[in-house]
Amino acid sequence: MRAGKQDEARAVQRLIADIDSIDAWRDRVGRRVVCLFLLTFAFAVGLLFWTVKQVHGNPPGTLTPQGPQVPAVLRRIL
């Protein structure tokens, strides 16, 4: 009888440990969302800095298309 009670007590302890691990998994969801947000924000800031660096890294005049320039046409719509 005594061995049966010990087995039952161990089974209950394992069950409690499993329930606690599930609760711990659920508690981390908010942290995961915050970490994902921070990672996405950091990536966006990095992409912004890279874009600014690419624009400022080009010599002046290289952002305009090469070739003949045509004067702008202004029309008055009546």
Protein backbone atom coordinates (compact mmCIF):
# COMPACT_ATOMS: atom_id res chain seq x y z
CA MET A 1 0.00 0.00 0.00
CA ARG A 2 2.77 2.37 0.93
CA ALA A 3 4.47 2.03 -2.51
CA GLY A 4 1.15 2.84 -4.23
CA LYS A 5 0.76 6.04 -2.24
CA GLN A 6 4.31 7.09 -3.07
CA ASP A 7 3.71 6.43 -6.77
CA GLU A 8 0.52 8.41 -6.60
CA ALA A 9 2.30 11.29 -4.82
CA ARG A 10 5.04 11.28 -7.49
CA ALA A 11 2.44 11.27 -10.25
CA VAL A 12 0.67 14.22 -8.64
CA GLN A 13 3.98 16.09 -8.33
CA ARG A 14 4.75 15.44 -12.02
CA LEU A 15 1.28 16.64 -12.95
CA ILE A 16 1.75 19.83 -10.94
CA ALA A 17 5.16 20.37 -12.54
CA ASP A 18 3.62 19.93 -16.02
CA ILE A 19 0.87 22.43 -15.21
CA ASP A 20 3.43 24.91 -13.90
CA SER A 21 5.50 24.56 -17.07
CA ILE A 22 2.40 25.25 -19.20
CA ASP A 23 1.66 28.34 -17.10
CA ALA A 24 5.26 29.51 -17.50
CA TRP A 25 4.91 29.08 -21.29
CA ARG A 26 1.79 31.24 -21.29
CA ASP A 27 3.41 33.92 -19.14
CA ARG A 28 6.20 34.37 -21.68
CA VAL A 29 3.86 35.28 -24.56
CA GLY A 30 3.87 38.97 -23.62
CA ARG A 31 7.64 38.98 -23.48
CA ARG A 32 7.81 37.34 -26.89
CA VAL A 33 5.51 39.97 -28.38
CA VAL A 34 7.57 42.79 -26.88
CA CYS A 35 10.82 41.22 -28.10
CA LEU A 36 9.38 40.76 -31.58
CA PHE A 37 8.26 44.39 -31.62
CA LEU A 38 11.69 45.60 -30.49
CA LEU A 39 13.44 43.43 -33.05
CA THR A 40 11.19 44.73 -35.84
CA PHE A 41 11.69 48.31 -34.67
CA ALA A 42 15.47 47.85 -34.59
CA PHE A 43 15.39 46.39 -38.10
CA ALA A 44 13.33 49.35 -39.35
CA VAL A 45 15.71 51.87 -37.79
CA GLY A 46 18.67 50.04 -39.29
CA LEU A 47 17.01 50.05 -42.69
CA LEU A 48 16.35 53.77 -42.36
CA PHE A 49 19.98 54.49 -41.48
CA TRP A 50 21.18 52.30 -44.35
CA THR A 51 18.91 54.16 -46.79
CA VAL A 52 20.14 57.54 -45.59
CA LYS A 53 23.73 56.34 -45.87
CA GLN A 54 23.14 55.16 -49.43
CA VAL A 55 21.64 58.50 -50.46
CA HIS A 56 24.38 60.56 -48.83
CA GLY A 57 27.10 58.26 -50.12
CA ASN A 58 26.37 59.12 -53.75
CA PRO A 59 28.15 62.15 -55.24
CA PRO A 60 25.95 65.14 -56.12
CA GLY A 61 24.22 64.84 -59.44
CA THR A 62 24.20 61.05 -59.57
CA LEU A 63 20.59 60.86 -58.43
CA THR A 64 19.39 62.69 -61.54
CA PRO A 65 19.04 60.63 -64.68
CA GLN A 66 21.84 60.91 -67.23
CA GLY A 67 21.08 62.18 -70.71
CA PRO A 68 19.51 65.22 -72.27
CA GLN A 69 17.30 67.38 -70.10
CA VAL A 70 13.98 68.65 -71.43
CA PRO A 71 12.51 71.83 -70.00
CA ALA A 72 9.33 71.44 -68.04
CA VAL A 73 6.08 72.17 -69.82
CA LEU A 74 3.55 74.26 -67.96
CA ARG A 75 0.01 74.41 -69.31
CA ARG A 76 -2.86 76.38 -68.01
CA ILE A 77 -6.00 74.33 -67.86
CA LEU A 78 -9.09 76.42 -68.48
